[in-house]
């Protein structure tokens, strides 16, 4: 959460993809599965941008300084959950909000932090792995015109072992090697269809459903 508040929000003012991911990740950190007024599926921020996304990022920005960790955490647990369920249940945005080449580049970055053995800032902690997997799967299932259920999203973080196992499966499905980099490069793809085709191996791991 501290990273999202101190670095993520200021850096993403013009980036709808990163803003949706920060809102999604923030709410998965502060809302225990099954505890809100409705279960959060893979598109509850991805397809509610900017309304619900802005609500979460505004609440995040208004939290006390992270230099006082206990005060910061108490305020986050109290103030953020309401923002996570802001607005209508009906979707207010679609995949078309996200420019295809920008989405492909961001997917490549998430792939790198999850799977690149040489990454200088990898997603090594189970919590980071679960969130990064969720971000990837939002784009994978959406470009494939499939659903990403709350059960699928919840499964990534249900335990330390689950987060680590899912990350391992993601990297086995789409390897990133020391010598060749990603065996299926995503950066440079120009259309949703191209992204969907390239990321087909991830659909099963993500739990995308028709």
N, C-alpha and C. Protein backbone atom coordinates (compact mmCIF):
# COMPACT_ATOMS: atom_id res chain seq x y z
N UNK A 1 0.82 -1.21 0.00
CA UNK A 1 0.00 0.00 0.00
C UNK A 1 0.86 1.26 0.00
N UNK A 2 1.94 1.24 0.79
CA UNK A 2 2.80 2.42 0.84
C UNK A 2 3.35 2.75 -0.55
N UNK A 3 3.75 1.71 -1.28
CA UNK A 3 4.28 1.92 -2.63
C UNK A 3 3.22 2.53 -3.54
N UNK A 4 1.99 2.01 -3.45
CA UNK A 4 0.90 2.55 -4.28
C UNK A 4 0.67 4.02 -3.97
N UNK A 5 0.65 4.38 -2.68
CA UNK A 5 0.37 5.76 -2.29
C UNK A 5 1.51 6.70 -2.67
N UNK A 6 2.75 6.31 -2.33
CA UNK A 6 3.88 7.24 -2.45
C UNK A 6 4.43 7.33 -3.87
N UNK A 7 4.34 6.23 -4.63
CA UNK A 7 4.94 6.20 -5.97
C UNK A 7 3.89 6.00 -7.05
N UNK A 8 2.98 5.04 -6.82
CA UNK A 8 2.03 4.67 -7.87
C UNK A 8 1.09 5.79 -8.27
N UNK A 9 0.41 6.39 -7.28
CA UNK A 9 -0.59 7.41 -7.61
C UNK A 9 0.02 8.62 -8.31
N UNK A 10 1.11 9.21 -7.79
CA UNK A 10 1.69 10.38 -8.48
C UNK A 10 2.17 10.08 -9.90
N UNK A 11 2.59 8.83 -10.14
CA UNK A 11 3.19 8.50 -11.43
C UNK A 11 2.18 8.12 -12.50
N UNK A 12 0.90 8.01 -12.13
CA UNK A 12 -0.06 7.42 -13.07
C UNK A 12 -1.22 8.35 -13.43
N UNK A 13 -1.02 9.64 -13.30
CA UNK A 13 -2.13 10.56 -13.53
C UNK A 13 -2.73 10.43 -14.92
N UNK A 14 -1.90 10.09 -15.91
CA UNK A 14 -2.38 9.99 -17.29
C UNK A 14 -2.37 8.55 -17.81
N UNK A 15 -2.33 7.58 -16.92
CA UNK A 15 -2.19 6.18 -17.34
C UNK A 15 -3.36 5.36 -16.82
N UNK A 16 -4.41 5.19 -17.63
CA UNK A 16 -5.60 4.47 -17.14
C UNK A 16 -5.33 3.02 -16.78
N UNK A 17 -4.36 2.39 -17.44
CA UNK A 17 -4.05 0.99 -17.14
C UNK A 17 -3.46 0.88 -15.73
N UNK A 18 -2.46 1.68 -15.45
CA UNK A 18 -1.82 1.63 -14.13
C UNK A 18 -2.79 2.07 -13.04
N UNK A 19 -3.64 3.05 -13.33
CA UNK A 19 -4.60 3.52 -12.33
C UNK A 19 -5.58 2.40 -11.97
N UNK A 20 -6.07 1.68 -12.98
CA UNK A 20 -6.98 0.57 -12.72
C UNK A 20 -6.28 -0.51 -11.89
N UNK A 21 -5.03 -0.79 -12.22
CA UNK A 21 -4.28 -1.82 -11.49
C UNK A 21 -4.04 -1.40 -10.04
N UNK A 22 -3.70 -0.14 -9.81
CA UNK A 22 -3.47 0.32 -8.44
C UNK A 22 -4.76 0.24 -7.62
N UNK A 23 -5.88 0.66 -8.22
CA UNK A 23 -7.16 0.57 -7.51
C UNK A 23 -7.49 -0.88 -7.18
N UNK A 24 -7.33 -1.76 -8.16
CA UNK A 24 -7.61 -3.18 -7.95
C UNK A 24 -6.71 -3.75 -6.85
N UNK A 25 -5.41 -3.50 -6.96
CA UNK A 25 -4.47 -4.05 -5.99
C UNK A 25 -4.71 -3.51 -4.59
N UNK A 26 -5.01 -2.22 -4.50
CA UNK A 26 -5.29 -1.60 -3.20
C UNK A 26 -6.45 -2.30 -2.52
N UNK A 27 -7.52 -2.51 -3.27
CA UNK A 27 -8.73 -3.08 -2.67
C UNK A 27 -8.55 -4.55 -2.33
N UNK A 28 -7.74 -5.26 -3.09
CA UNK A 28 -7.47 -6.66 -2.72
C UNK A 28 -6.63 -6.76 -1.45
N UNK A 29 -5.89 -5.70 -1.14
CA UNK A 29 -5.09 -5.69 0.09
C UNK A 29 -5.92 -5.34 1.32
N UNK A 30 -6.98 -4.55 1.15
CA UNK A 30 -7.73 -4.06 2.33
C UNK A 30 -9.11 -4.68 2.48
N UNK A 31 -9.61 -5.37 1.47
CA UNK A 31 -10.94 -5.99 1.56
C UNK A 31 -10.77 -7.51 1.58
N UNK A 32 -10.95 -8.16 2.73
CA UNK A 32 -10.85 -9.62 2.78
C UNK A 32 -11.87 -10.25 1.85
N UNK A 33 -11.52 -11.33 1.16
CA UNK A 33 -12.45 -11.98 0.22
C UNK A 33 -13.79 -12.28 0.89
N UNK A 34 -14.87 -11.88 0.21
CA UNK A 34 -16.21 -12.17 0.71
C UNK A 34 -16.72 -11.21 1.76
N UNK A 35 -15.96 -10.15 2.08
CA UNK A 35 -16.36 -9.29 3.19
C UNK A 35 -17.11 -8.03 2.76
N UNK A 36 -17.12 -7.72 1.48
CA UNK A 36 -17.76 -6.50 1.03
C UNK A 36 -19.21 -6.72 0.64
N UNK A 37 -19.88 -5.67 0.15
CA UNK A 37 -21.28 -5.81 -0.29
C UNK A 37 -21.44 -6.70 -1.51
N UNK A 38 -20.38 -6.88 -2.28
CA UNK A 38 -20.40 -7.83 -3.40
C UNK A 38 -18.97 -8.31 -3.63
N UNK A 39 -18.82 -9.54 -4.15
CA UNK A 39 -17.46 -10.06 -4.39
C UNK A 39 -16.79 -9.31 -5.54
N UNK A 40 -15.52 -9.01 -5.39
CA UNK A 40 -14.78 -8.25 -6.41
C UNK A 40 -14.23 -9.20 -7.47
N UNK A 41 -14.75 -9.08 -8.68
CA UNK A 41 -14.22 -9.91 -9.76
C UNK A 41 -13.10 -9.17 -10.48
N UNK A 42 -12.61 -9.77 -11.56
CA UNK A 42 -11.46 -9.20 -12.24
C UNK A 42 -11.72 -7.87 -12.93
N UNK A 43 -13.00 -7.52 -13.13
CA UNK A 43 -13.31 -6.30 -13.88
C UNK A 43 -13.97 -5.22 -13.02
N UNK A 44 -14.01 -5.40 -11.71
CA UNK A 44 -14.71 -4.43 -10.86
C UNK A 44 -13.99 -3.09 -10.77
N UNK A 45 -12.76 -3.02 -11.24
CA UNK A 45 -12.06 -1.74 -11.40
C UNK A 45 -11.68 -1.53 -12.86
N UNK A 46 -11.26 -2.59 -13.50
CA UNK A 46 -10.87 -2.57 -14.91
C UNK A 46 -11.99 -2.01 -15.79
N UNK A 47 -13.25 -2.34 -15.47
CA UNK A 47 -14.40 -1.87 -16.24
C UNK A 47 -15.21 -0.80 -15.49
N UNK A 48 -14.61 -0.21 -14.46
CA UNK A 48 -15.25 0.89 -13.72
C UNK A 48 -14.26 2.04 -13.60
N UNK A 49 -13.69 2.40 -14.75
CA UNK A 49 -12.64 3.39 -14.82
C UNK A 49 -13.14 4.56 -15.68
N UNK A 50 -13.21 5.79 -15.18
CA UNK A 50 -12.49 6.25 -13.99
C UNK A 50 -13.30 6.29 -12.69
N UNK A 51 -14.62 6.04 -12.72
CA UNK A 51 -15.44 6.35 -11.54
C UNK A 51 -14.93 5.69 -10.27
N UNK A 52 -14.99 4.35 -10.20
CA UNK A 52 -14.58 3.66 -8.97
C UNK A 52 -13.06 3.75 -8.79
N UNK A 53 -12.33 3.70 -9.89
CA UNK A 53 -10.87 3.82 -9.81
C UNK A 53 -10.48 5.15 -9.17
N UNK A 54 -11.09 6.23 -9.63
CA UNK A 54 -10.77 7.55 -9.06
C UNK A 54 -11.13 7.63 -7.58
N UNK A 55 -12.24 7.00 -7.21
CA UNK A 55 -12.66 6.98 -5.81
C UNK A 55 -11.59 6.35 -4.93
N UNK A 56 -11.05 5.22 -5.38
CA UNK A 56 -10.02 4.51 -4.61
C UNK A 56 -8.73 5.32 -4.56
N UNK A 57 -8.30 5.85 -5.71
CA UNK A 57 -7.04 6.59 -5.74
C UNK A 57 -7.11 7.88 -4.94
N UNK A 58 -8.28 8.51 -4.93
CA UNK A 58 -8.47 9.72 -4.11
C UNK A 58 -8.35 9.37 -2.63
N UNK A 59 -9.02 8.28 -2.23
CA UNK A 59 -8.96 7.85 -0.83
C UNK A 59 -7.53 7.47 -0.44
N UNK A 60 -6.82 6.84 -1.36
CA UNK A 60 -5.44 6.43 -1.12
C UNK A 60 -4.54 7.65 -0.93
N UNK A 61 -4.73 8.65 -1.79
CA UNK A 61 -3.90 9.86 -1.72
C UNK A 61 -4.16 10.64 -0.43
N UNK A 62 -5.37 10.51 0.12
CA UNK A 62 -5.73 11.27 1.32
C UNK A 62 -5.32 10.59 2.62
N UNK A 63 -4.76 9.39 2.54
CA UNK A 63 -4.31 8.71 3.76
C UNK A 63 -3.15 9.47 4.40
N UNK A 64 -2.97 9.32 5.72
CA UNK A 64 -1.82 9.97 6.36
C UNK A 64 -0.50 9.46 5.80
N UNK A 65 0.56 10.18 6.06
CA UNK A 65 1.87 9.81 5.53
C UNK A 65 2.26 8.39 5.94
N UNK A 66 2.87 7.67 5.00
CA UNK A 66 3.32 6.31 5.29
C UNK A 66 4.57 6.30 6.18
N UNK A 67 5.07 7.49 6.52
CA UNK A 67 6.21 7.56 7.45
C UNK A 67 5.78 7.19 8.88
N UNK A 68 4.46 7.16 9.11
CA UNK A 68 3.92 6.67 10.39
C UNK A 68 3.12 5.41 10.08
N UNK A 69 3.79 4.26 9.99
CA UNK A 69 3.16 3.05 9.45
C UNK A 69 1.89 2.60 10.17
N UNK A 70 1.89 2.61 11.50
CA UNK A 70 0.71 2.10 12.21
C UNK A 70 -0.50 3.00 11.98
N UNK A 71 -0.28 4.31 11.99
CA UNK A 71 -1.36 5.26 11.72
C UNK A 71 -1.86 5.11 10.29
N UNK A 72 -0.93 4.91 9.36
CA UNK A 72 -1.25 4.73 7.95
C UNK A 72 -2.13 3.49 7.75
N UNK A 73 -1.73 2.37 8.36
CA UNK A 73 -2.47 1.11 8.18
C UNK A 73 -3.86 1.20 8.79
N UNK A 74 -3.97 1.79 9.98
CA UNK A 74 -5.28 1.94 10.62
C UNK A 74 -6.22 2.76 9.74
N UNK A 75 -5.71 3.86 9.22
CA UNK A 75 -6.53 4.73 8.37
C UNK A 75 -6.92 4.02 7.08
N UNK A 76 -5.99 3.26 6.51
CA UNK A 76 -6.28 2.54 5.26
C UNK A 76 -7.41 1.55 5.45
N UNK A 77 -7.35 0.78 6.54
CA UNK A 77 -8.38 -0.23 6.79
C UNK A 77 -9.74 0.40 7.06
N UNK A 78 -9.73 1.61 7.59
CA UNK A 78 -10.99 2.29 7.91
C UNK A 78 -11.57 3.02 6.70
N UNK A 79 -10.72 3.68 5.91
CA UNK A 79 -11.20 4.60 4.87
C UNK A 79 -11.31 3.99 3.48
N UNK A 80 -10.46 3.00 3.17
CA UNK A 80 -10.41 2.52 1.78
C UNK A 80 -11.56 1.60 1.37
N UNK A 81 -12.04 0.68 2.24
CA UNK A 81 -13.06 -0.25 1.76
C UNK A 81 -14.30 0.41 1.15
N UNK A 82 -14.78 1.51 1.73
CA UNK A 82 -15.95 2.19 1.15
C UNK A 82 -15.68 2.64 -0.28
N UNK A 83 -14.48 3.15 -0.52
CA UNK A 83 -14.12 3.61 -1.86
C UNK A 83 -14.08 2.45 -2.85
N UNK A 84 -13.74 1.26 -2.35
CA UNK A 84 -13.62 0.09 -3.23
C UNK A 84 -14.96 -0.34 -3.82
N UNK A 85 -16.04 0.05 -3.18
CA UNK A 85 -17.37 -0.36 -3.66
C UNK A 85 -18.19 0.84 -4.13
N UNK A 86 -17.50 1.91 -4.50
CA UNK A 86 -18.15 3.15 -4.93
C UNK A 86 -18.87 2.96 -6.26
N UNK A 87 -20.04 3.60 -6.39
CA UNK A 87 -20.70 3.68 -7.69
C UNK A 87 -21.61 2.52 -8.02
N UNK A 88 -22.03 2.48 -9.26
CA UNK A 88 -22.99 1.50 -9.73
C UNK A 88 -22.34 0.14 -9.98
N UNK A 89 -23.15 -0.93 -9.89
CA UNK A 89 -22.65 -2.25 -10.25
C UNK A 89 -22.45 -2.36 -11.76
N UNK A 90 -23.29 -1.66 -12.54
CA UNK A 90 -23.18 -1.73 -14.00
C UNK A 90 -21.82 -1.20 -14.44
N UNK A 91 -21.22 -1.89 -15.41
CA UNK A 91 -19.91 -1.47 -15.91
C UNK A 91 -19.99 -0.11 -16.60
N UNK A 92 -18.98 0.71 -16.39
CA UNK A 92 -18.98 2.06 -16.96
C UNK A 92 -17.89 2.28 -17.99
N UNK A 93 -17.02 1.28 -18.18
CA UNK A 93 -16.00 1.37 -19.23
C UNK A 93 -15.74 -0.02 -19.79
N UNK A 94 -15.06 -0.07 -20.91
CA UNK A 94 -14.77 -1.34 -21.58
C UNK A 94 -13.28 -1.43 -21.88
N UNK A 95 -12.90 -2.55 -22.46
CA UNK A 95 -11.51 -2.77 -22.84
C UNK A 95 -10.98 -1.63 -23.71
N UNK A 96 -11.86 -1.05 -24.54
CA UNK A 96 -11.43 -0.02 -25.49
C UNK A 96 -10.86 1.23 -24.82
N UNK A 97 -11.05 1.36 -23.50
CA UNK A 97 -10.44 2.48 -22.78
C UNK A 97 -8.92 2.39 -22.81
N UNK A 98 -8.40 1.16 -22.95
CA UNK A 98 -6.97 0.92 -22.84
C UNK A 98 -6.35 0.73 -24.22
N UNK A 99 -5.44 1.62 -24.58
CA UNK A 99 -4.84 1.61 -25.92
C UNK A 99 -4.02 0.31 -26.09
N UNK A 100 -4.25 -0.43 -27.19
CA UNK A 100 -3.65 -1.77 -27.32
C UNK A 100 -2.14 -1.82 -27.16
N UNK A 101 -1.41 -0.92 -27.80
CA UNK A 101 0.06 -1.00 -27.71
C UNK A 101 0.54 -0.67 -26.29
N UNK A 102 -0.17 0.25 -25.61
CA UNK A 102 0.17 0.56 -24.22
C UNK A 102 -0.13 -0.63 -23.31
N UNK A 103 -1.24 -1.31 -23.59
CA UNK A 103 -1.60 -2.49 -22.81
C UNK A 103 -0.57 -3.60 -23.01
N UNK A 104 -0.13 -3.79 -24.25
CA UNK A 104 0.87 -4.81 -24.54
C UNK A 104 2.18 -4.51 -23.81
N UNK A 105 2.58 -3.25 -23.80
CA UNK A 105 3.82 -2.86 -23.12
C UNK A 105 3.72 -3.09 -21.61
N UNK A 106 2.57 -2.72 -21.04
CA UNK A 106 2.37 -2.92 -19.60
C UNK A 106 2.34 -4.40 -19.25
N UNK A 107 1.67 -5.19 -20.09
CA UNK A 107 1.65 -6.64 -19.87
C UNK A 107 3.07 -7.21 -19.89
N UNK A 108 3.88 -6.73 -20.82
CA UNK A 108 5.26 -7.18 -20.90
C UNK A 108 6.03 -6.85 -19.61
N UNK A 109 5.77 -5.66 -19.07
CA UNK A 109 6.43 -5.26 -17.82
C UNK A 109 6.00 -6.15 -16.66
N UNK A 110 4.70 -6.46 -16.58
CA UNK A 110 4.21 -7.35 -15.51
C UNK A 110 4.79 -8.75 -15.69
N UNK A 111 4.86 -9.21 -16.94
CA UNK A 111 5.46 -10.52 -17.24
C UNK A 111 6.91 -10.55 -16.74
N UNK A 112 7.62 -9.46 -16.99
CA UNK A 112 9.04 -9.40 -16.61
C UNK A 112 9.21 -9.49 -15.09
N UNK A 113 8.44 -8.70 -14.34
CA UNK A 113 8.64 -8.71 -12.88
C UNK A 113 8.21 -10.04 -12.27
N UNK A 114 7.31 -10.74 -12.94
CA UNK A 114 6.86 -12.03 -12.42
C UNK A 114 7.81 -13.16 -12.80
N UNK A 115 8.41 -13.10 -14.01
CA UNK A 115 9.08 -14.28 -14.56
C UNK A 115 10.54 -14.11 -14.97
N UNK A 116 11.03 -12.89 -15.12
CA UNK A 116 12.41 -12.69 -15.60
C UNK A 116 13.41 -13.01 -14.48
N UNK A 117 14.26 -14.03 -14.66
CA UNK A 117 15.24 -14.39 -13.62
C UNK A 117 16.23 -13.26 -13.32
N UNK A 118 16.41 -12.35 -14.27
CA UNK A 118 17.38 -11.26 -14.10
C UNK A 118 16.73 -9.93 -13.72
N UNK A 119 15.44 -9.93 -13.46
CA UNK A 119 14.75 -8.67 -13.15
C UNK A 119 15.33 -8.04 -11.88
N UNK A 120 15.60 -6.71 -11.95
CA UNK A 120 16.21 -6.05 -10.80
C UNK A 120 15.19 -5.68 -9.73
N UNK A 121 13.90 -5.76 -10.04
CA UNK A 121 12.86 -5.46 -9.05
C UNK A 121 11.72 -6.47 -9.21
N UNK A 122 12.00 -7.75 -8.92
CA UNK A 122 11.02 -8.80 -9.20
C UNK A 122 9.88 -8.84 -8.18
N UNK A 123 8.78 -9.47 -8.58
CA UNK A 123 7.67 -9.73 -7.66
C UNK A 123 8.00 -11.03 -6.93
N UNK A 124 8.75 -10.92 -5.85
CA UNK A 124 9.21 -12.10 -5.11
C UNK A 124 8.30 -12.46 -3.95
N UNK A 125 7.68 -11.45 -3.34
CA UNK A 125 6.81 -11.72 -2.20
C UNK A 125 5.49 -12.31 -2.70
N UNK A 126 4.91 -13.27 -1.97
CA UNK A 126 3.65 -13.88 -2.41
C UNK A 126 2.54 -12.86 -2.68
N UNK A 127 2.46 -11.82 -1.84
CA UNK A 127 1.46 -10.78 -2.05
C UNK A 127 1.66 -10.08 -3.39
N UNK A 128 2.91 -9.76 -3.71
CA UNK A 128 3.22 -9.12 -5.00
C UNK A 128 2.89 -10.07 -6.15
N UNK A 129 3.21 -11.34 -5.98
CA UNK A 129 2.95 -12.33 -7.03
C UNK A 129 1.45 -12.45 -7.30
N UNK A 130 0.65 -12.48 -6.23
CA UNK A 130 -0.80 -12.61 -6.40
C UNK A 130 -1.38 -11.40 -7.10
N UNK A 131 -0.94 -10.20 -6.70
CA UNK A 131 -1.46 -8.99 -7.33
C UNK A 131 -1.04 -8.90 -8.79
N UNK A 132 0.23 -9.19 -9.08
CA UNK A 132 0.72 -9.11 -10.46
C UNK A 132 0.01 -10.12 -11.35
N UNK A 133 -0.21 -11.32 -10.84
CA UNK A 133 -0.97 -12.32 -11.60
C UNK A 133 -2.37 -11.80 -11.90
N UNK A 134 -3.01 -11.19 -10.92
CA UNK A 134 -4.34 -10.64 -11.13
C UNK A 134 -4.36 -9.57 -12.21
N UNK A 135 -3.36 -8.68 -12.18
CA UNK A 135 -3.29 -7.62 -13.19
C UNK A 135 -3.15 -8.22 -14.59
N UNK A 136 -2.25 -9.19 -14.73
CA UNK A 136 -2.06 -9.84 -16.02
C UNK A 136 -3.36 -10.48 -16.49
N UNK A 137 -4.02 -11.18 -15.58
CA UNK A 137 -5.21 -11.95 -15.96
C UNK A 137 -6.38 -11.05 -16.36
N UNK A 138 -6.46 -9.85 -15.80
CA UNK A 138 -7.51 -8.92 -16.23
C UNK A 138 -7.39 -8.66 -17.73
N UNK A 139 -6.19 -8.41 -18.19
CA UNK A 139 -5.97 -8.12 -19.62
C UNK A 139 -6.09 -9.38 -20.47
N UNK A 140 -5.59 -10.50 -19.94
CA UNK A 140 -5.63 -11.76 -20.70
C UNK A 140 -7.07 -12.19 -20.97
N UNK A 141 -7.88 -12.21 -19.93
CA UNK A 141 -9.27 -12.67 -20.09
C UNK A 141 -10.09 -11.66 -20.89
N UNK A 142 -9.84 -10.37 -20.67
CA UNK A 142 -10.65 -9.35 -21.35
C UNK A 142 -10.36 -9.32 -22.85
N UNK A 143 -9.10 -9.41 -23.24
CA UNK A 143 -8.80 -9.40 -24.68
C UNK A 143 -9.32 -10.67 -25.35
N UNK A 144 -9.49 -11.74 -24.56
CA UNK A 144 -10.04 -12.99 -25.09
C UNK A 144 -11.57 -13.00 -25.07
N UNK A 145 -12.16 -11.87 -24.61
CA UNK A 145 -13.63 -11.74 -24.51
C UNK A 145 -14.20 -12.79 -23.55
N UNK A 146 -13.47 -13.02 -22.46
CA UNK A 146 -13.88 -13.99 -21.45
C UNK A 146 -14.03 -13.30 -20.10
N UNK A 147 -14.60 -14.01 -19.14
CA UNK A 147 -14.82 -13.47 -17.80
C UNK A 147 -13.67 -13.84 -16.88
N UNK A 148 -13.52 -13.05 -15.81
CA UNK A 148 -12.54 -13.34 -14.76
C UNK A 148 -13.28 -13.20 -13.43
N UNK A 149 -13.70 -14.33 -12.88
CA UNK A 149 -14.60 -14.33 -11.73
C UNK A 149 -13.90 -13.93 -10.44
N UNK A 150 -14.72 -13.60 -9.45
CA UNK A 150 -14.16 -13.28 -8.13
C UNK A 150 -13.47 -14.51 -7.53
N UNK A 151 -13.99 -15.70 -7.83
CA UNK A 151 -13.37 -16.92 -7.32
C UNK A 151 -11.97 -17.10 -7.90
N UNK A 152 -11.84 -16.83 -9.19
CA UNK A 152 -10.52 -16.95 -9.83
C UNK A 152 -9.55 -15.93 -9.23
N UNK A 153 -10.00 -14.69 -9.09
CA UNK A 153 -9.12 -13.66 -8.53
C UNK A 153 -8.74 -13.99 -7.09
N UNK A 154 -9.71 -14.49 -6.32
CA UNK A 154 -9.44 -14.83 -4.93
C UNK A 154 -8.47 -15.99 -4.78
N UNK A 155 -8.48 -16.89 -5.77
CA UNK A 155 -7.63 -18.08 -5.67
C UNK A 155 -6.14 -17.73 -5.72
N UNK A 156 -5.80 -16.62 -6.37
CA UNK A 156 -4.39 -16.25 -6.49
C UNK A 156 -3.77 -15.91 -5.14
N UNK A 157 -4.59 -15.43 -4.21
CA UNK A 157 -4.05 -14.94 -2.93
C UNK A 157 -4.60 -15.69 -1.73
N UNK A 158 -5.20 -16.86 -1.94
CA UNK A 158 -5.84 -17.54 -0.81
C UNK A 158 -4.82 -18.07 0.20
N UNK A 159 -3.57 -18.24 -0.23
CA UNK A 159 -2.50 -18.65 0.68
C UNK A 159 -1.16 -18.30 0.06
N UNK A 160 -0.12 -18.33 0.87
CA UNK A 160 1.23 -18.11 0.36
C UNK A 160 1.56 -19.14 -0.71
N UNK A 161 1.22 -20.39 -0.43
CA UNK A 161 1.50 -21.46 -1.38
C UNK A 161 0.75 -21.26 -2.69
N UNK A 162 -0.50 -20.80 -2.60
CA UNK A 162 -1.30 -20.59 -3.81
C UNK A 162 -0.70 -19.49 -4.67
N UNK A 163 -0.27 -18.40 -4.03
CA UNK A 163 0.33 -17.29 -4.77
C UNK A 163 1.60 -17.73 -5.48
N UNK A 164 2.44 -18.48 -4.77
CA UNK A 164 3.70 -18.94 -5.34
C UNK A 164 3.47 -19.96 -6.45
N UNK A 165 2.51 -20.86 -6.23
CA UNK A 165 2.21 -21.89 -7.22
C UNK A 165 1.65 -21.28 -8.50
N UNK A 166 0.76 -20.30 -8.34
CA UNK A 166 0.18 -19.64 -9.52
C UNK A 166 1.25 -18.90 -10.30
N UNK A 167 2.14 -18.20 -9.60
CA UNK A 167 3.23 -17.48 -10.27
C UNK A 167 4.11 -18.46 -11.04
N UNK A 168 4.41 -19.59 -10.44
CA UNK A 168 5.22 -20.61 -11.11
C UNK A 168 4.52 -21.11 -12.37
N UNK A 169 3.21 -21.31 -12.26
CA UNK A 169 2.43 -21.78 -13.42
C UNK A 169 2.38 -20.74 -14.53
N UNK A 170 2.26 -19.46 -14.14
CA UNK A 170 2.25 -18.38 -15.13
C UNK A 170 3.56 -18.37 -15.91
N UNK A 171 4.67 -18.54 -15.19
CA UNK A 171 5.99 -18.48 -15.84
C UNK A 171 6.29 -19.74 -16.64
N UNK A 172 5.69 -20.87 -16.25
CA UNK A 172 5.85 -22.09 -17.04
C UNK A 172 5.04 -21.99 -18.33
N UNK A 173 3.89 -21.34 -18.26
CA UNK A 173 3.03 -21.21 -19.44
C UNK A 173 3.61 -20.23 -20.46
N UNK A 174 4.27 -19.17 -19.96
CA UNK A 174 4.87 -18.14 -20.82
C UNK A 174 6.28 -17.86 -20.29
N UNK A 175 7.26 -18.69 -20.65
CA UNK A 175 8.61 -18.56 -20.06
C UNK A 175 9.32 -17.26 -20.43
N UNK A 176 10.13 -16.80 -19.50
CA UNK A 176 11.06 -15.68 -19.72
C UNK A 176 12.45 -16.21 -19.37
N UNK A 177 13.31 -16.36 -20.36
CA UNK A 177 14.58 -17.04 -20.15
C UNK A 177 15.74 -16.06 -19.95
N UNK A 178 16.80 -16.55 -19.35
CA UNK A 178 17.98 -15.72 -19.11
C UNK A 178 18.63 -15.30 -20.43
N UNK A 179 18.68 -16.21 -21.39
CA UNK A 179 19.41 -15.93 -22.63
C UNK A 179 18.56 -15.23 -23.69
N UNK A 180 17.29 -15.61 -23.79
CA UNK A 180 16.46 -15.08 -24.88
C UNK A 180 15.38 -14.11 -24.43
N UNK A 181 15.24 -13.91 -23.14
CA UNK A 181 14.16 -13.06 -22.67
C UNK A 181 12.83 -13.78 -22.80
N UNK A 182 11.74 -13.05 -23.08
CA UNK A 182 10.44 -13.70 -23.20
C UNK A 182 10.37 -14.53 -24.49
N UNK A 183 9.98 -15.79 -24.37
CA UNK A 183 9.87 -16.62 -25.58
C UNK A 183 8.70 -16.15 -26.44
N UNK A 184 7.71 -15.51 -25.82
CA UNK A 184 6.61 -14.88 -26.55
C UNK A 184 6.61 -13.40 -26.20
N UNK A 185 7.30 -12.56 -26.98
CA UNK A 185 7.35 -11.12 -26.66
C UNK A 185 5.97 -10.48 -26.80
N UNK A 186 5.62 -9.66 -25.82
CA UNK A 186 4.34 -8.97 -25.85
C UNK A 186 4.50 -7.50 -26.23
N UNK A 187 5.59 -6.89 -25.80
CA UNK A 187 5.83 -5.48 -26.13
C UNK A 187 5.95 -5.34 -27.64
N UNK A 188 5.17 -4.42 -28.20
CA UNK A 188 5.18 -4.23 -29.65
C UNK A 188 3.91 -4.71 -30.33
N UNK A 189 3.09 -5.48 -29.62
CA UNK A 189 1.81 -5.91 -30.20
C UNK A 189 0.89 -4.70 -30.34
N UNK A 190 0.08 -4.69 -31.40
CA UNK A 190 -0.66 -3.48 -31.76
C UNK A 190 -2.18 -3.61 -31.67
N UNK A 191 -2.70 -4.80 -31.35
CA UNK A 191 -4.15 -4.97 -31.33
C UNK A 191 -4.57 -5.90 -30.20
N UNK A 192 -5.84 -5.79 -29.80
CA UNK A 192 -6.37 -6.68 -28.77
C UNK A 192 -6.31 -8.13 -29.24
N UNK A 193 -6.60 -8.37 -30.51
CA UNK A 193 -6.58 -9.74 -31.03
C UNK A 193 -5.17 -10.33 -30.95
N UNK A 194 -4.17 -9.52 -31.25
CA UNK A 194 -2.79 -10.00 -31.18
C UNK A 194 -2.40 -10.33 -29.74
N UNK A 195 -2.85 -9.48 -28.81
CA UNK A 195 -2.58 -9.75 -27.38
C UNK A 195 -3.28 -11.03 -26.95
N UNK A 196 -4.54 -11.19 -27.36
CA UNK A 196 -5.30 -12.38 -26.99
C UNK A 196 -4.63 -13.64 -27.52
N UNK A 197 -4.17 -13.59 -28.77
CA UNK A 197 -3.53 -14.77 -29.36
C UNK A 197 -2.22 -15.10 -28.65
N UNK A 198 -1.43 -14.07 -28.37
CA UNK A 198 -0.12 -14.29 -27.75
C UNK A 198 -0.23 -14.81 -26.32
N UNK A 199 -1.29 -14.41 -25.62
CA UNK A 199 -1.42 -14.77 -24.20
C UNK A 199 -2.35 -15.96 -23.98
N UNK A 200 -2.69 -16.67 -25.05
CA UNK A 200 -3.55 -17.86 -24.91
C UNK A 200 -3.07 -18.83 -23.83
N UNK A 201 -1.75 -19.10 -23.71
CA UNK A 201 -1.30 -20.06 -22.68
C UNK A 201 -1.65 -19.65 -21.25
N UNK A 202 -1.88 -18.36 -21.03
CA UNK A 202 -2.19 -17.90 -19.67
C UNK A 202 -3.65 -18.09 -19.30
N UNK A 203 -4.54 -18.31 -20.26
CA UNK A 203 -5.97 -18.32 -19.96
C UNK A 203 -6.34 -19.39 -18.94
N UNK A 204 -5.75 -20.57 -19.08
CA UNK A 204 -6.08 -21.66 -18.16
C UNK A 204 -5.59 -21.35 -16.75
N UNK A 205 -4.37 -20.82 -16.64
CA UNK A 205 -3.83 -20.47 -15.32
C UNK A 205 -4.67 -19.38 -14.67
N UNK A 206 -5.10 -18.41 -15.48
CA UNK A 206 -5.90 -17.30 -14.97
C UNK A 206 -7.30 -17.74 -14.55
N UNK A 207 -7.79 -18.80 -15.17
CA UNK A 207 -9.16 -19.22 -14.89
C UNK A 207 -10.18 -18.43 -15.67
N UNK A 208 -9.80 -17.93 -16.85
CA UNK A 208 -10.76 -17.22 -17.71
C UNK A 208 -11.91 -18.17 -18.06
N UNK A 209 -13.13 -17.65 -18.04
CA UNK A 209 -14.30 -18.47 -18.38
C UNK A 209 -15.13 -17.79 -19.45
N UNK A 210 -15.85 -18.59 -20.21
CA UNK A 210 -16.66 -18.06 -21.32
C UNK A 210 -17.84 -17.26 -20.79
